[in-house]
Amino acid sequence: MTEVIERVRLLPTTVGGVDTVAKFFRALGDPTRLRLLEFLLHDEHTVSECVVHIGLSQGRVSTHLACLADCGYVQVRRTGRNAFYRVADPRVADLVMLAHALAADNCAALTECERIPPITGENS
């Protein structure tokens, strides 16, 4: 019971706090940003490596990496003309793995959910 109480204390009690947590999840809600995070979980990579892995233009990948950096998910290390990105907090890996497990367990419900429209077209 103490563990449950401790977890509840971590939740924000103000509307602004809830908005911040919602923004935290919105940053993860984009498939391109999620794929980038998964790519960066185990090693740091350059923007060029991320471009090859994701298959989008350098500009789009850089925009997504900048968003992830601004939100605190990744850190950038610059060496000369290269920027190397890596996950900033190891808890991100736990979060991504938990999300995959929950999505797998709820796959049918998520597939049938009509309130959240599917993502169509190329990611922004």
PDB file of N, CA and C in Angstrom:
ATOM      1  N   MET A   1       0.818  -1.191   0.000  1.00  0.00           N
ATOM      2  CA  MET A   1       0.000   0.000   0.000  1.00  0.00           C
ATOM      3  C   MET A   1       0.865   1.258   0.000  1.00  0.00           C
ATOM      4  N   THR A   2       1.974   1.225   0.715  1.00  0.00           N
ATOM      5  CA  THR A   2       2.867   2.377   0.760  1.00  0.00           C
ATOM      6  C   THR A   2       3.383   2.710  -0.632  1.00  0.00           C
ATOM      7  N   GLU A   3       3.689   1.678  -1.430  1.00  0.00           N
ATOM      8  CA  GLU A   3       4.188   1.911  -2.788  1.00  0.00           C
ATOM      9  C   GLU A   3       3.158   2.659  -3.628  1.00  0.00           C
ATOM     10  N   VAL A   4       1.888   2.310  -3.476  1.00  0.00           N
ATOM     11  CA  VAL A   4       0.823   2.990  -4.217  1.00  0.00           C
ATOM     12  C   VAL A   4       0.734   4.445  -3.790  1.00  0.00           C
ATOM     13  N   ILE A   5       0.816   4.694  -2.495  1.00  0.00           N
ATOM     14  CA  ILE A   5       0.760   6.075  -1.989  1.00  0.00           C
ATOM     15  C   ILE A   5       1.940   6.873  -2.516  1.00  0.00           C
ATOM     16  N   GLU A   6       3.136   6.276  -2.530  1.00  0.00           N
ATOM     17  CA  GLU A   6       4.315   6.967  -3.043  1.00  0.00           C
ATOM     18  C   GLU A   6       4.132   7.329  -4.508  1.00  0.00           C
ATOM     19  N   ARG A   7       3.568   6.430  -5.288  1.00  0.00           N
ATOM     20  CA  ARG A   7       3.344   6.710  -6.701  1.00  0.00           C
ATOM     21  C   ARG A   7       2.349   7.841  -6.882  1.00  0.00           C
ATOM     22  N   VAL A   8       1.294   7.859  -6.058  1.00  0.00           N
ATOM     23  CA  VAL A   8       0.286   8.910  -6.166  1.00  0.00           C
ATOM     24  C   VAL A   8       0.907  10.267  -5.870  1.00  0.00           C
ATOM     25  N   ARG A   9       1.824  10.323  -4.953  1.00  0.00           N
ATOM     26  CA  ARG A   9       2.482  11.591  -4.618  1.00  0.00           C
ATOM     27  C   ARG A   9       3.279  12.149  -5.797  1.00  0.00           C
ATOM     28  N   LEU A  10       3.714  11.277  -6.709  1.00  0.00           N
ATOM     29  CA  LEU A  10       4.469  11.742  -7.865  1.00  0.00           C
ATOM     30  C   LEU A  10       3.580  12.451  -8.878  1.00  0.00           C
ATOM     31  N   LEU A  11       2.282  12.173  -8.855  1.00  0.00           N
ATOM     32  CA  LEU A  11       1.380  12.793  -9.816  1.00  0.00           C
ATOM     33  C   LEU A  11       1.178  14.259  -9.473  1.00  0.00           C
ATOM     34  N   PRO A  12       1.128  15.109 -10.472  1.00  0.00           N
ATOM     35  CA  PRO A  12       0.920  16.534 -10.208  1.00  0.00           C
ATOM     36  C   PRO A  12      -0.488  16.778  -9.681  1.00  0.00           C
ATOM     37  N   THR A  13      -0.613  17.754  -8.821  1.00  0.00           N
ATOM     38  CA  THR A  13      -1.914  18.046  -8.227  1.00  0.00           C
ATOM     39  C   THR A  13      -2.561  19.282  -8.825  1.00  0.00           C
ATOM     40  N   THR A  14      -1.872  19.943  -9.727  1.00  0.00           N
ATOM     41  CA  THR A  14      -2.427  21.141 -10.341  1.00  0.00           C
ATOM     42  C   THR A  14      -2.733  20.886 -11.809  1.00  0.00           C
ATOM     43  N   VAL A  15      -3.594  21.716 -12.368  1.00  0.00           N
ATOM     44  CA  VAL A  15      -3.902  21.589 -13.792  1.00  0.00           C
ATOM     45  C   VAL A  15      -2.637  21.784 -14.615  1.00  0.00           C
ATOM     46  N   GLY A  16      -1.793  22.731 -14.252  1.00  0.00           N
ATOM     47  CA  GLY A  16      -0.542  22.959 -14.971  1.00  0.00           C
ATOM     48  C   GLY A  16       0.364  21.744 -14.934  1.00  0.00           C
ATOM     49  N   GLY A  17       0.385  21.034 -13.804  1.00  0.00           N
ATOM     50  CA  GLY A  17       1.190  19.829 -13.695  1.00  0.00           C
ATOM     51  C   GLY A  17       0.677  18.732 -14.608  1.00  0.00           C
ATOM     52  N   VAL A  18      -0.639  18.593 -14.676  1.00  0.00           N
ATOM     53  CA  VAL A  18      -1.235  17.600 -15.567  1.00  0.00           C
ATOM     54  C   VAL A  18      -0.945  17.971 -17.021  1.00  0.00           C
ATOM     55  N   ASP A  19      -1.004  19.252 -17.345  1.00  0.00           N
ATOM     56  CA  ASP A  19      -0.690  19.702 -18.703  1.00  0.00           C
ATOM     57  C   ASP A  19       0.745  19.363 -19.074  1.00  0.00           C
ATOM     58  N   THR A  20       1.648  19.480 -18.125  1.00  0.00           N
ATOM     59  CA  THR A  20       3.051  19.149 -18.385  1.00  0.00           C
ATOM     60  C   THR A  20       3.209  17.661 -18.662  1.00  0.00           C
ATOM     61  N   VAL A  21       2.520  16.824 -17.895  1.00  0.00           N
ATOM     62  CA  VAL A  21       2.594  15.386 -18.123  1.00  0.00           C
ATOM     63  C   VAL A  21       1.982  15.034 -19.483  1.00  0.00           C
ATOM     64  N   ALA A  22       0.874  15.698 -19.843  1.00  0.00           N
ATOM     65  CA  ALA A  22       0.259  15.461 -21.153  1.00  0.00           C
ATOM     66  C   ALA A  22       1.224  15.856 -22.268  1.00  0.00           C
ATOM     67  N   LYS A  23       1.934  16.967 -22.082  1.00  0.00           N
ATOM     68  CA  LYS A  23       2.918  17.400 -23.083  1.00  0.00           C
ATOM     69  C   LYS A  23       4.061  16.387 -23.172  1.00  0.00           C
ATOM     70  N   PHE A  24       4.447  15.824 -22.041  1.00  0.00           N
ATOM     71  CA  PHE A  24       5.464  14.776 -21.994  1.00  0.00           C
ATOM     72  C   PHE A  24       5.069  13.629 -22.919  1.00  0.00           C
ATOM     73  N   PHE A  25       3.808  13.201 -22.859  1.00  0.00           N
ATOM     74  CA  PHE A  25       3.345  12.099 -23.701  1.00  0.00           C
ATOM     75  C   PHE A  25       3.144  12.521 -25.153  1.00  0.00           C
ATOM     76  N   ARG A  26       2.758  13.757 -25.392  1.00  0.00           N
ATOM     77  CA  ARG A  26       2.610  14.221 -26.780  1.00  0.00           C
ATOM     78  C   ARG A  26       3.942  14.173 -27.512  1.00  0.00           C
ATOM     79  N   ALA A  27       5.021  14.467 -26.806  1.00  0.00           N
ATOM     80  CA  ALA A  27       6.344  14.396 -27.444  1.00  0.00           C
ATOM     81  C   ALA A  27       6.648  12.972 -27.898  1.00  0.00           C
ATOM     82  N   LEU A  28       6.132  11.993 -27.180  1.00  0.00           N
ATOM     83  CA  LEU A  28       6.333  10.589 -27.538  1.00  0.00           C
ATOM     84  C   LEU A  28       5.288  10.093 -28.529  1.00  0.00           C
ATOM     85  N   GLY A  29       4.248  10.880 -28.753  1.00  0.00           N
ATOM     86  CA  GLY A  29       3.134  10.452 -29.577  1.00  0.00           C
ATOM     87  C   GLY A  29       3.380  10.477 -31.065  1.00  0.00           C
ATOM     88  N   ASP A  30       4.488  11.027 -31.483  1.00  0.00           N
ATOM     89  CA  ASP A  30       4.806  11.068 -32.905  1.00  0.00           C
ATOM     90  C   ASP A  30       5.626   9.838 -33.266  1.00  0.00           C
ATOM     91  N   PRO A  31       5.190   9.063 -34.267  1.00  0.00           N
ATOM     92  CA  PRO A  31       5.923   7.843 -34.616  1.00  0.00           C
ATOM     93  C   PRO A  31       7.384   8.073 -34.978  1.00  0.00           C
ATOM     94  N   THR A  32       7.688   9.172 -35.643  1.00  0.00           N
ATOM     95  CA  THR A  32       9.084   9.436 -36.010  1.00  0.00           C
ATOM     96  C   THR A  32       9.924   9.674 -34.766  1.00  0.00           C
ATOM     97  N   ARG A  33       9.421  10.463 -33.832  1.00  0.00           N
ATOM     98  CA  ARG A  33      10.181  10.715 -32.606  1.00  0.00           C
ATOM     99  C   ARG A  33      10.344   9.434 -31.797  1.00  0.00           C
ATOM    100  N   LEU A  34       9.321   8.604 -31.762  1.00  0.00           N
ATOM    101  CA  LEU A  34       9.425   7.340 -31.037  1.00  0.00           C
ATOM    102  C   LEU A  34      10.451   6.415 -31.694  1.00  0.00           C
ATOM    103  N   ARG A  35      10.456   6.355 -33.012  1.00  0.00           N
ATOM    104  CA  ARG A  35      11.454   5.539 -33.724  1.00  0.00           C
ATOM    105  C   ARG A  35      12.867   6.070 -33.463  1.00  0.00           C
ATOM    106  N   LEU A  36      13.021   7.386 -33.448  1.00  0.00           N
ATOM    107  CA  LEU A  36      14.336   7.965 -33.150  1.00  0.00           C
ATOM    108  C   LEU A  36      14.782   7.596 -31.737  1.00  0.00           C
ATOM    109  N   LEU A  37      13.882   7.715 -30.780  1.00  0.00           N
ATOM    110  CA  LEU A  37      14.237   7.347 -29.407  1.00  0.00           C
ATOM    111  C   LEU A  37      14.659   5.892 -29.324  1.00  0.00           C
ATOM    112  N   GLU A  38      13.897   5.014 -29.965  1.00  0.00           N
ATOM    113  CA  GLU A  38      14.251   3.595 -29.944  1.00  0.00           C
ATOM    114  C   GLU A  38      15.618   3.357 -30.585  1.00  0.00           C
ATOM    115  N   PHE A  39      15.914   4.080 -31.643  1.00  0.00           N
ATOM    116  CA  PHE A  39      17.210   3.957 -32.314  1.00  0.00           C
ATOM    117  C   PHE A  39      18.351   4.412 -31.405  1.00  0.00           C
ATOM    118  N   LEU A  40      18.069   5.400 -30.569  1.00  0.00           N
ATOM    119  CA  LEU A  40      19.100   5.983 -29.714  1.00  0.00           C
ATOM    120  C   LEU A  40      19.200   5.320 -28.340  1.00  0.00           C
ATOM    121  N   LEU A  41      18.382   4.326 -28.064  1.00  0.00           N
ATOM    122  CA  LEU A  41      18.365   3.725 -26.725  1.00  0.00           C
ATOM    123  C   LEU A  41      19.692   3.095 -26.326  1.00  0.00           C
ATOM    124  N   HIS A  42      20.406   2.492 -27.262  1.00  0.00           N
ATOM    125  CA  HIS A  42      21.589   1.722 -26.896  1.00  0.00           C
ATOM    126  C   HIS A  42      22.908   2.368 -27.293  1.00  0.00           C
ATOM    127  N   ASP A  43      22.875   3.266 -28.267  1.00  0.00           N
ATOM    128  CA  ASP A  43      24.104   3.915 -28.734  1.00  0.00           C
ATOM    129  C   ASP A  43      23.803   5.356 -29.121  1.00  0.00           C
ATOM    130  N   GLU A  44      24.844   6.183 -29.109  1.00  0.00           N
ATOM    131  CA  GLU A  44      24.668   7.518 -29.651  1.00  0.00           C
ATOM    132  C   GLU A  44      24.872   7.452 -31.158  1.00  0.00           C
ATOM    133  N   HIS A  45      24.182   8.336 -31.868  1.00  0.00           N
ATOM    134  CA  HIS A  45      24.248   8.348 -33.324  1.00  0.00           C
ATOM    135  C   HIS A  45      24.288   9.784 -33.830  1.00  0.00           C
ATOM    136  N   THR A  46      24.889   9.934 -34.998  1.00  0.00           N
ATOM    137  CA  THR A  46      24.899  11.237 -35.667  1.00  0.00           C
ATOM    138  C   THR A  46      23.552  11.464 -36.341  1.00  0.00           C
ATOM    139  N   VAL A  47      23.321  12.701 -36.724  1.00  0.00           N
ATOM    140  CA  VAL A  47      22.107  13.036 -37.464  1.00  0.00           C
ATOM    141  C   VAL A  47      22.061  12.226 -38.756  1.00  0.00           C
ATOM    142  N   SER A  48      23.198  12.101 -39.438  1.00  0.00           N
ATOM    143  CA  SER A  48      23.246  11.333 -40.688  1.00  0.00           C
ATOM    144  C   SER A  48      22.834   9.882 -40.478  1.00  0.00           C
ATOM    145  N   GLU A  49      23.296   9.271 -39.411  1.00  0.00           N
ATOM    146  CA  GLU A  49      22.893   7.896 -39.109  1.00  0.00           C
ATOM    147  C   GLU A  49      21.396   7.817 -38.826  1.00  0.00           C
ATOM    148  N   CYS A  50      20.876   8.821 -38.131  1.00  0.00           N
ATOM    149  CA  CYS A  50      19.441   8.863 -37.850  1.00  0.00           C
ATOM    150  C   CYS A  50      18.638   9.019 -39.136  1.00  0.00           C
ATOM    151  N   VAL A  51      19.124   9.834 -40.046  1.00  0.00           N
ATOM    152  CA  VAL A  51      18.453  10.036 -41.340  1.00  0.00           C
ATOM    153  C   VAL A  51      18.361   8.720 -42.092  1.00  0.00           C
ATOM    154  N   VAL A  52      19.470   7.989 -42.153  1.00  0.00           N
ATOM    155  CA  VAL A  52      19.489   6.706 -42.855  1.00  0.00           C
ATOM    156  C   VAL A  52      18.505   5.738 -42.201  1.00  0.00           C
ATOM    157  N   HIS A  53      18.502   5.697 -40.890  1.00  0.00           N
ATOM    158  CA  HIS A  53      17.643   4.762 -40.166  1.00  0.00           C
ATOM    159  C   HIS A  53      16.155   5.106 -40.339  1.00  0.00           C
ATOM    160  N   ILE A  54      15.824   6.372 -40.269  1.00  0.00           N
ATOM    161  CA  ILE A  54      14.423   6.811 -40.314  1.00  0.00           C
ATOM    162  C   ILE A  54      13.907   6.922 -41.745  1.00  0.00           C
ATOM    163  N   GLY A  55      14.780   7.349 -42.662  1.00  0.00           N
ATOM    164  CA  GLY A  55      14.377   7.453 -44.053  1.00  0.00           C
ATOM    165  C   GLY A  55      13.647   8.733 -44.409  1.00  0.00           C
ATOM    166  N   LEU A  56      13.817   9.755 -43.595  1.00  0.00           N
ATOM    167  CA  LEU A  56      13.257  11.068 -43.900  1.00  0.00           C
ATOM    168  C   LEU A  56      14.401  12.032 -44.190  1.00  0.00           C
ATOM    169  N   SER A  57      14.058  13.223 -44.624  1.00  0.00           N
ATOM    170  CA  SER A  57      15.075  14.216 -44.951  1.00  0.00           C
ATOM    171  C   SER A  57      15.840  14.643 -43.699  1.00  0.00           C
ATOM    172  N   GLN A  58      17.026  15.162 -43.922  1.00  0.00           N
ATOM    173  CA  GLN A  58      17.861  15.625 -42.811  1.00  0.00           C
ATOM    174  C   GLN A  58      17.151  16.718 -42.022  1.00  0.00           C
ATOM    175  N   GLY A  59      16.470  17.602 -42.714  1.00  0.00           N
ATOM    176  CA  GLY A  59      15.758  18.698 -42.049  1.00  0.00           C
ATOM    177  C   GLY A  59      14.659  18.201 -41.119  1.00  0.00           C
ATOM    178  N   ARG A  60      13.902  17.229 -41.591  1.00  0.00           N
ATOM    179  CA  ARG A  60      12.819  16.685 -40.761  1.00  0.00           C
ATOM    180  C   ARG A  60      13.366  15.930 -39.559  1.00  0.00           C
ATOM    181  N   VAL A  61      14.396  15.136 -39.783  1.00  0.00           N
ATOM    182  CA  VAL A  61      14.996  14.380 -38.682  1.00  0.00           C
ATOM    183  C   VAL A  61      15.592  15.348 -37.667  1.00  0.00           C
ATOM    184  N   SER A  62      16.262  16.378 -38.123  1.00  0.00           N
ATOM    185  CA  SER A  62      16.846  17.373 -37.220  1.00  0.00           C
ATOM    186  C   SER A  62      15.768  18.068 -36.395  1.00  0.00           C
ATOM    187  N   THR A  63      14.636  18.366 -37.010  1.00  0.00           N
ATOM    188  CA  THR A  63      13.528  18.994 -36.290  1.00  0.00           C
ATOM    189  C   THR A  63      13.016  18.079 -35.180  1.00  0.00           C
ATOM    190  N   HIS A  64      12.860  16.798 -35.486  1.00  0.00           N
ATOM    191  CA  HIS A  64      12.402  15.849 -34.475  1.00  0.00           C
ATOM    192  C   HIS A  64      13.429  15.669 -33.364  1.00  0.00           C
ATOM    193  N   LEU A  65      14.713  15.609 -33.725  1.00  0.00           N
ATOM    194  CA  LEU A  65      15.763  15.496 -32.716  1.00  0.00           C
ATOM    195  C   LEU A  65      15.802  16.739 -31.831  1.00  0.00           C
ATOM    196  N   ALA A  66      15.591  17.900 -32.423  1.00  0.00           N
ATOM    197  CA  ALA A  66      15.562  19.142 -31.641  1.00  0.00           C
ATOM    198  C   ALA A  66      14.398  19.121 -30.650  1.00  0.00           C
ATOM    199  N   CYS A  67      13.252  18.624 -31.083  1.00  0.00           N
ATOM    200  CA  CYS A  67      12.099  18.498 -30.185  1.00  0.00           C
ATOM    201  C   CYS A  67      12.427  17.571 -29.025  1.00  0.00           C
ATOM    202  N   LEU A  68      13.001  16.418 -29.336  1.00  0.00           N
ATOM    203  CA  LEU A  68      13.367  15.464 -28.287  1.00  0.00           C
ATOM    204  C   LEU A  68      14.395  16.062 -27.326  1.00  0.00           C
ATOM    205  N   ALA A  69      15.324  16.845 -27.862  1.00  0.00           N
ATOM    206  CA  ALA A  69      16.326  17.494 -27.009  1.00  0.00           C
ATOM    207  C   ALA A  69      15.679  18.577 -26.151  1.00  0.00           C
ATOM    208  N   ASP A  70      14.812  19.393 -26.758  1.00  0.00           N
ATOM    209  CA  ASP A  70      14.136  20.463 -26.010  1.00  0.00           C
ATOM    210  C   ASP A  70      13.288  19.901 -24.869  1.00  0.00           C
ATOM    211  N   CYS A  71      12.704  18.718 -25.092  1.00  0.00           N
ATOM    212  CA  CYS A  71      11.851  18.088 -24.071  1.00  0.00           C
ATOM    213  C   CYS A  71      12.647  17.264 -23.064  1.00  0.00           C
ATOM    214  N   GLY A  72      13.962  17.163 -23.257  1.00  0.00           N
ATOM    215  CA  GLY A  72      14.815  16.479 -22.301  1.00  0.00           C
ATOM    216  C   GLY A  72      14.971  14.989 -22.509  1.00  0.00           C
ATOM    217  N   TYR A  73      14.486  14.451 -23.632  1.00  0.00           N
ATOM    218  CA  TYR A  73      14.612  13.019 -23.896  1.00  0.00           C
ATOM    219  C   TYR A  73      16.003  12.638 -24.395  1.00  0.00           C
ATOM    220  N   VAL A  74      16.641  13.506 -25.171  1.00  0.00           N
ATOM    221  CA  VAL A  74      17.962  13.210 -25.704  1.00  0.00           C
ATOM    222  C   VAL A  74      18.918  14.359 -25.406  1.00  0.00           C
ATOM    223  N   GLN A  75      20.192  14.029 -25.430  1.00  0.00           N
ATOM    224  CA  GLN A  75      21.256  15.014 -25.272  1.00  0.00           C
ATOM    225  C   GLN A  75      22.068  15.024 -26.554  1.00  0.00           C
ATOM    226  N   VAL A  76      22.636  16.163 -26.854  1.00  0.00           N
ATOM    227  CA  VAL A  76      23.474  16.284 -28.038  1.00  0.00           C
ATOM    228  C   VAL A  76      24.896  16.620 -27.607  1.00  0.00           C
ATOM    229  N   ARG A  77      25.848  15.985 -28.281  1.00  0.00           N
ATOM    230  CA  ARG A  77      27.268  16.263 -28.060  1.00  0.00           C
ATOM    231  C   ARG A  77      27.843  16.652 -29.414  1.00  0.00           C
ATOM    232  N   ARG A  78      28.448  17.813 -29.461  1.00  0.00           N
ATOM    233  CA  ARG A  78      28.998  18.302 -30.728  1.00  0.00           C
ATOM    234  C   ARG A  78      30.512  18.110 -30.747  1.00  0.00           C
ATOM    235  N   THR A  79      30.976  17.547 -31.867  1.00  0.00           N
ATOM    236  CA  THR A  79      32.395  17.375 -32.107  1.00  0.00           C
ATOM    237  C   THR A  79      32.652  17.839 -33.529  1.00  0.00           C
ATOM    238  N   GLY A  80      33.318  18.976 -33.653  1.00  0.00           N
ATOM    239  CA  GLY A  80      33.537  19.540 -34.986  1.00  0.00           C
ATOM    240  C   GLY A  80      32.202  19.846 -35.649  1.00  0.00           C
ATOM    241  N   ARG A  81      31.997  19.298 -36.840  1.00  0.00           N
ATOM    242  CA  ARG A  81      30.758  19.547 -37.580  1.00  0.00           C
ATOM    243  C   ARG A  81      29.677  18.510 -37.273  1.00  0.00           C
ATOM    244  N   ASN A  82      30.020  17.525 -36.456  1.00  0.00           N
ATOM    245  CA  ASN A  82      29.070  16.451 -36.160  1.00  0.00           C
ATOM    246  C   ASN A  82      28.340  16.681 -34.846  1.00  0.00           C
ATOM    247  N   ALA A  83      27.074  16.298 -34.838  1.00  0.00           N
ATOM    248  CA  ALA A  83      26.270  16.300 -33.624  1.00  0.00           C
ATOM    249  C   ALA A  83      25.907  14.851 -33.327  1.00  0.00           C
ATOM    250  N   PHE A  84      26.201  14.406 -32.122  1.00  0.00           N
ATOM    251  CA  PHE A  84      25.919  13.044 -31.692  1.00  0.00           C
ATOM    252  C   PHE A  84      24.788  13.083 -30.671  1.00  0.00           C
ATOM    253  N   TYR A  85      23.745  12.316 -30.928  1.00  0.00           N
ATOM    254  CA  TYR A  85      22.589  12.275 -30.044  1.00  0.00           C
ATOM    255  C   TYR A  85      22.556  10.965 -29.280  1.00  0.00           C
ATOM    256  N   ARG A  86      22.122  11.060 -28.027  1.00  0.00           N
ATOM    257  CA  ARG A  86      21.928   9.866 -27.192  1.00  0.00           C
ATOM    258  C   ARG A  86      20.774  10.147 -26.232  1.00  0.00           C
ATOM    259  N   VAL A  87      20.199   9.074 -25.712  1.00  0.00           N
ATOM    260  CA  VAL A  87      19.109   9.202 -24.748  1.00  0.00           C
ATOM    261  C   VAL A  87      19.671   9.826 -23.472  1.00  0.00           C
ATOM    262  N   ALA A  88      18.969  10.809 -22.947  1.00  0.00           N
ATOM    263  CA  ALA A  88      19.453  11.570 -21.805  1.00  0.00           C
ATOM    264  C   ALA A  88      19.248  10.862 -20.468  1.00  0.00           C
ATOM    265  N   ASP A  89      18.253   9.996 -20.385  1.00  0.00           N
ATOM    266  CA  ASP A  89      17.908   9.369 -19.108  1.00  0.00           C
ATOM    267  C   ASP A  89      17.592   7.900 -19.362  1.00  0.00           C
ATOM    268  N   PRO A  90      18.243   6.990 -18.650  1.00  0.00           N
ATOM    269  CA  PRO A  90      18.001   5.562 -18.889  1.00  0.00           C
ATOM    270  C   PRO A  90      16.558   5.141 -18.618  1.00  0.00           C
ATOM    271  N   ARG A  91      15.808   5.934 -17.870  1.00  0.00           N
ATOM    272  CA  ARG A  91      14.402   5.601 -17.623  1.00  0.00           C
ATOM    273  C   ARG A  91      13.571   5.665 -18.887  1.00  0.00           C
ATOM    274  N   VAL A  92      14.074   6.383 -19.905  1.00  0.00           N
ATOM    275  CA  VAL A  92      13.369   6.448 -21.181  1.00  0.00           C
ATOM    276  C   VAL A  92      13.255   5.050 -21.784  1.00  0.00           C
ATOM    277  N   ALA A  93      14.300   4.246 -21.677  1.00  0.00           N
ATOM    278  CA  ALA A  93      14.260   2.877 -22.194  1.00  0.00           C
ATOM    279  C   ALA A  93      13.179   2.074 -21.482  1.00  0.00           C
ATOM    280  N   ASP A  94      13.099   2.229 -20.170  1.00  0.00           N
ATOM    281  CA  ASP A  94      12.054   1.539 -19.411  1.00  0.00           C
ATOM    282  C   ASP A  94      10.668   1.967 -19.879  1.00  0.00           C
ATOM    283  N   LEU A  95      10.502   3.255 -20.088  1.00  0.00           N
ATOM    284  CA  LEU A  95       9.214   3.785 -20.527  1.00  0.00           C
ATOM    285  C   LEU A  95       8.830   3.247 -21.901  1.00  0.00           C
ATOM    286  N   VAL A  96       9.787   3.234 -22.820  1.00  0.00           N
ATOM    287  CA  VAL A  96       9.516   2.745 -24.179  1.00  0.00           C
ATOM    288  C   VAL A  96       9.174   1.254 -24.150  1.00  0.00           C
ATOM    289  N   MET A  97       9.906   0.478 -23.368  1.00  0.00           N
ATOM    290  CA  MET A  97       9.629  -0.957 -23.281  1.00  0.00           C
ATOM    291  C   MET A  97       8.270  -1.217 -22.629  1.00  0.00           C
ATOM    292  N   LEU A  98       7.934  -0.459 -21.606  1.00  0.00           N
ATOM    293  CA  LEU A  98       6.631  -0.594 -20.963  1.00  0.00           C
ATOM    294  C   LEU A  98       5.513  -0.230 -21.930  1.00  0.00           C
ATOM    295  N   ALA A  99       5.718   0.823 -22.708  1.00  0.00           N
ATOM    296  CA  ALA A  99       4.721   1.234 -23.699  1.00  0.00           C
ATOM    297  C   ALA A  99       4.498   0.135 -24.731  1.00  0.00           C
ATOM    298  N   HIS A 100       5.578  -0.487 -25.189  1.00  0.00           N
ATOM    299  CA  HIS A 100       5.454  -1.589 -26.150  1.00  0.00           C
ATOM    300  C   HIS A 100       4.670  -2.753 -25.534  1.00  0.00           C
ATOM    301  N   ALA A 101       4.964  -3.081 -24.282  1.00  0.00           N
ATOM    302  CA  ALA A 101       4.279  -4.188 -23.617  1.00  0.00           C
ATOM    303  C   ALA A 101       2.790  -3.880 -23.436  1.00  0.00           C
ATOM    304  N   LEU A 102       2.484  -2.673 -22.998  1.00  0.00           N
ATOM    305  CA  LEU A 102       1.081  -2.290 -22.813  1.00  0.00           C
ATOM    306  C   LEU A 102       0.337  -2.253 -24.143  1.00  0.00           C
ATOM    307  N   ALA A 103       0.993  -1.738 -25.173  1.00  0.00           N
ATOM    308  CA  ALA A 103       0.359  -1.694 -26.499  1.00  0.00           C
ATOM    309  C   ALA A 103       0.105  -3.111 -27.014  1.00  0.00           C
ATOM    310  N   ALA A 104       1.048  -4.024 -26.787  1.00  0.00           N
ATOM    311  CA  ALA A 104       0.860  -5.411 -27.222  1.00  0.00           C
ATOM    312  C   ALA A 104      -0.306  -6.048 -26.473  1.00  0.00           C
ATOM    313  N   ASP A 105      -0.394  -5.789 -25.179  1.00  0.00           N
ATOM    314  CA  ASP A 105      -1.474  -6.360 -24.376  1.00  0.00           C
ATOM    315  C   ASP A 105      -2.843  -5.780 -24.744  1.00  0.00           C
ATOM    316  N   ASN A 106      -2.846  -4.570 -25.277  1.00  0.00           N
ATOM    317  CA  ASN A 106      -4.098  -3.897 -25.608  1.00  0.00           C
ATOM    318  C   ASN A 106      -4.244  -3.676 -27.113  1.00  0.00           C
ATOM    319  N   CYS A 107      -3.568  -4.476 -27.908  1.00  0.00           N
ATOM    320  CA  CYS A 107      -3.517  -4.279 -29.356  1.00  0.00           C
ATOM    321  C   CYS A 107      -4.907  -4.240 -29.990  1.00  0.00           C
ATOM    322  N   ALA A 108      -5.773  -5.165 -29.639  1.00  0.00           N
ATOM    323  CA  ALA A 108      -7.113  -5.213 -30.232  1.00  0.00           C
ATOM    324  C   ALA A 108      -7.895  -3.946 -29.900  1.00  0.00           C
ATOM    325  N   ALA A 109      -7.854  -3.532 -28.655  1.00  0.00           N
ATOM    326  CA  ALA A 109      -8.580  -2.330 -28.248  1.00  0.00           C
ATOM    327  C   ALA A 109      -8.018  -1.090 -28.938  1.00  0.00           C
ATOM    328  N   LEU A 110      -6.696  -0.996 -29.020  1.00  0.00           N
ATOM    329  CA  LEU A 110      -6.076   0.155 -29.683  1.00  0.00           C
ATOM    330  C   LEU A 110      -6.414   0.183 -31.167  1.00  0.00           C
ATOM    331  N   THR A 111      -6.443  -0.982 -31.801  1.00  0.00           N
ATOM    332  CA  THR A 111      -6.770  -1.062 -33.221  1.00  0.00           C
ATOM    333  C   THR A 111      -8.205  -0.625 -33.484  1.00  0.00           C
ATOM    334  N   GLU A 112      -9.104  -0.994 -32.582  1.00  0.00           N
ATOM    335  CA  GLU A 112     -10.519  -0.679 -32.757  1.00  0.00           C
ATOM    336  C   GLU A 112     -10.905   0.714 -32.271  1.00  0.00           C
ATOM    337  N   CYS A 113     -10.044   1.369 -31.524  1.00  0.00           N
ATOM    338  CA  CYS A 113     -10.353   2.689 -30.974  1.00  0.00           C
ATOM    339  C   CYS A 113     -10.598   3.686 -32.099  1.00  0.00           C
ATOM    340  N   GLU A 114     -11.754   4.313 -32.095  1.00  0.00           N
ATOM    341  CA  GLU A 114     -12.104   5.295 -33.124  1.00  0.00           C
ATOM    342  C   GLU A 114     -11.937   6.732 -32.641  1.00  0.00           C
ATOM    343  N   ARG A 115     -11.723   6.919 -31.376  1.00  0.00           N
ATOM    344  CA  ARG A 115     -11.593   8.279 -30.824  1.00  0.00           C
ATOM    345  C   ARG A 115     -10.227   8.892 -31.140  1.00  0.00           C
ATOM    346  N   ILE A 116      -9.236   8.042 -31.313  1.00  0.00           N
ATOM    347  CA  ILE A 116      -7.905   8.519 -31.697  1.00  0.00           C
ATOM    348  C   ILE A 116      -7.691   8.075 -33.135  1.00  0.00           C
ATOM    349  N   PRO A 117      -7.694   9.025 -34.061  1.00  0.00           N
ATOM    350  CA  PRO A 117      -7.567   8.646 -35.478  1.00  0.00           C
ATOM    351  C   PRO A 117      -6.188   8.082 -35.787  1.00  0.00           C
ATOM    352  N   PRO A 118      -6.116   7.180 -36.771  1.00  0.00           N
ATOM    353  CA  PRO A 118      -4.810   6.660 -37.164  1.00  0.00           C
ATOM    354  C   PRO A 118      -3.980   7.753 -37.810  1.00  0.00           C
ATOM    355  N   ILE A 119      -2.683   7.606 -37.718  1.00  0.00           N
ATOM    356  CA  ILE A 119      -1.783   8.562 -38.354  1.00  0.00           C
ATOM    357  C   ILE A 119      -1.665   8.171 -39.807  1.00  0.00           C
ATOM    358  N   THR A 120      -1.917   9.133 -40.683  1.00  0.00           N
ATOM    359  CA  THR A 120      -1.849   8.857 -42.110  1.00  0.00           C
ATOM    360  C   THR A 120      -0.823   9.762 -42.767  1.00  0.00           C
ATOM    361  N   GLY A 121      -0.312   9.329 -43.904  1.00  0.00           N
ATOM    362  CA  GLY A 121       0.652  10.134 -44.652  1.00  0.00           C
ATOM    363  C   GLY A 121       2.009  10.124 -43.998  1.00  0.00           C
ATOM    364  N   GLU A 122       2.909  10.893 -44.595  1.00  0.00           N
ATOM    365  CA  GLU A 122       4.272  10.985 -44.080  1.00  0.00           C
ATOM    366  C   GLU A 122       4.285  11.812 -42.813  1.00  0.00           C
ATOM    367  N   ASN A 123       5.092  11.396 -41.866  1.00  0.00           N
ATOM    368  CA  ASN A 123       5.195  12.113 -40.597  1.00  0.00           C
ATOM    369  C   ASN A 123       5.828  13.477 -40.800  1.00  0.00           C
ATOM    370  N   SER A 124       5.424  14.400 -39.976  1.00  0.00           N
ATOM    371  CA  SER A 124       5.981  15.752 -40.088  1.00  0.00           C
ATOM    372  C   SER A 124       7.249  15.902 -39.298  1.00  0.00           C
TER     373      SER A 124
END
